[in-house]
Protein backbone atom coordinates (compact mmCIF):
# COMPACT_ATOMS: atom_id res chain seq x y z
CA MET A 1 16.00 188.11 13.24
CA SER A 2 17.34 186.14 16.17
CA PHE A 3 20.96 185.57 17.01
CA SER A 4 22.76 183.19 19.31
CA THR A 5 23.09 184.37 22.87
CA THR A 6 26.55 182.84 23.18
CA ARG A 7 28.89 185.70 23.96
CA ARG A 8 32.18 185.56 22.08
CA ARG A 9 35.53 187.31 22.61
CA ILE A 10 36.40 188.99 19.33
CA LEU A 11 39.55 190.79 18.26
CA LEU A 12 38.64 193.33 15.58
CA VAL A 13 41.59 194.67 13.57
CA ASP A 14 41.00 197.62 11.25
CA ASP A 15 43.01 200.79 10.71
CA ASP A 16 39.83 202.78 10.00
CA ARG A 17 38.43 203.91 13.37
CA VAL A 18 34.97 204.63 11.88
CA VAL A 19 34.69 201.15 10.38
CA ALA A 20 36.00 199.47 13.54
CA THR A 21 33.59 201.43 15.74
CA ALA A 22 30.61 200.60 13.51
CA ILE A 23 31.42 196.88 13.51
CA ALA A 24 32.02 196.87 17.27
CA ARG A 25 28.70 198.63 17.83
CA GLU A 26 26.93 195.97 15.75
CA LEU A 27 28.61 193.26 17.81
CA ALA A 28 27.97 194.94 21.17
CA ASP A 29 26.43 191.74 22.55
CA HIS A 30 29.93 190.23 22.34
CA GLU A 31 33.18 191.25 24.02
CA VAL A 32 35.00 193.13 21.26
CA THR A 33 38.60 194.32 21.52
CA ILE A 34 39.54 196.83 18.83
CA ALA A 35 43.07 197.02 17.45
CA LEU A 36 43.51 200.07 15.21
CA GLY A 37 46.01 198.55 12.80
CA GLY A 38 48.41 195.66 12.50
CA ALA A 39 50.95 196.87 15.06
CA GLU A 40 48.28 197.18 17.74
CA ALA A 41 46.94 193.74 16.76
CA LEU A 42 50.37 192.16 17.22
CA ASP A 43 50.64 193.80 20.64
CA VAL A 44 47.25 192.44 21.71
CA LEU A 45 47.93 188.98 20.24
CA GLY A 46 51.30 188.90 22.01
CA ARG A 47 49.50 188.98 25.36
CA THR A 48 48.00 185.52 24.74
CA ILE A 49 44.48 186.69 25.46
CA ALA A 50 41.99 184.01 24.45
CA PHE A 51 39.79 185.02 21.50
CA ASP A 52 36.96 183.12 19.89
CA LEU A 53 37.35 185.07 16.64
CA VAL A 54 39.82 187.43 14.96
CA LEU A 55 38.31 189.74 12.31
CA CYS A 56 41.20 191.39 10.48
CA ASP A 57 41.29 193.92 7.65
CA LEU A 58 43.58 192.84 4.82
CA VAL A 59 44.98 196.14 3.60
CA MET A 60 46.47 198.32 6.34
CA PRO A 61 49.52 200.58 6.34
CA GLU A 62 52.75 199.37 7.94
CA ILE A 63 51.57 195.91 9.08
CA SER A 64 49.01 194.23 6.81
CA GLY A 65 46.45 191.57 7.55
CA ILE A 66 48.76 189.11 5.79
CA GLU A 67 51.47 189.87 8.34
CA VAL A 68 49.02 189.63 11.25
CA HIS A 69 47.93 186.23 9.90
CA GLY A 70 51.60 185.19 9.67
CA PHE A 71 52.09 186.12 13.33
CA VAL A 72 49.03 184.08 14.29
CA LYS A 73 50.30 181.14 12.24
CA THR A 74 53.66 181.06 14.04
CA GLN A 75 52.85 182.46 17.50
CA ARG A 76 49.13 181.77 18.07
CA PRO A 77 48.26 178.74 15.89
CA GLU A 78 45.21 177.98 18.04
CA LEU A 79 43.62 181.04 16.42
CA LEU A 80 44.20 180.03 12.79
CA GLU A 81 40.75 178.48 12.33
CA ARG A 82 39.25 181.52 14.07
CA PHE A 83 40.93 184.09 11.79
CA VAL A 84 38.73 185.87 9.23
CA VAL A 85 40.02 188.43 6.73
CA MET A 86 37.84 191.42 5.85
CA THR A 87 38.68 192.80 2.42
CA GLY A 88 37.43 195.08 -0.27
CA GLY A 89 39.52 193.19 -2.80
CA ALA A 90 43.05 191.99 -3.29
CA SER A 91 44.87 194.81 -5.02
CA THR A 92 48.39 193.40 -5.02
CA PRO A 93 49.82 190.12 -6.34
CA LYS A 94 50.82 189.18 -2.78
CA ALA A 95 47.26 189.79 -1.51
CA ARG A 96 45.74 187.83 -4.41
CA ALA A 97 48.08 184.91 -3.76
CA PHE A 98 47.27 185.01 -0.04
CA LEU A 99 43.52 184.93 -0.64
CA SER A 100 43.67 182.25 -3.35
CA GLY A 101 45.63 179.77 -1.24
CA GLU A 102 44.66 177.69 1.75
CA GLY A 103 44.43 180.81 3.85
CA PRO A 104 41.82 182.09 6.27
CA ARG A 105 38.12 182.56 5.74
CA VAL A 106 37.25 185.80 3.95
CA ILE A 107 34.34 188.22 4.21
CA GLU A 108 34.16 190.69 1.31
CA LYS A 109 33.58 194.39 1.95
CA PRO A 110 31.09 195.84 1.80
CA PHE A 111 29.34 193.17 3.81
CA THR A 112 25.99 193.28 5.52
CA MET A 113 25.72 193.01 9.26
CA GLY A 114 23.78 189.78 8.65
CA GLU A 115 26.79 188.34 6.81
CA LEU A 116 29.06 189.47 9.62
CA ARG A 117 26.79 187.90 12.21
CA GLY A 118 26.81 184.68 10.17
CA ILE A 119 30.61 184.55 10.47
CA VAL A 120 30.45 185.23 14.21
CA GLU A 121 27.70 182.68 14.82
CA SER A 122 29.47 179.99 12.76
CA THR A 123 32.64 180.26 14.84
CA PRO A 124 32.54 177.98 17.88
CA VAL A 125 33.34 179.43 21.26
CA ALA A 126 36.88 178.53 22.34
CA SER A 127 37.08 176.05 25.16
């Protein structure tokens, strides 16, 4: 299997260190910044670092992926089309409404690394 050689800057947001580390290892040919939870993601996003892609878990304690997406929408709108939610399912009415609307792209957990790579490869590099 061959993949694009275009290196992307990716913000990976997941409160599960094991999951985040596994995904980052798979994407080692890219520049991956890990944020272990929503609060850390907001801190990183507040620094206006340019990212080609934001991969964000939906369900996290304290600050959810919905709230991270809301921050991006108001503070970093250039990242809206580059925001992808990773989810094992919408377990609350708010999450279901968020995912059923005109929200971000979604990749369902468990996903294969091929599916993940497809998301990465289909996201253009920011100019």
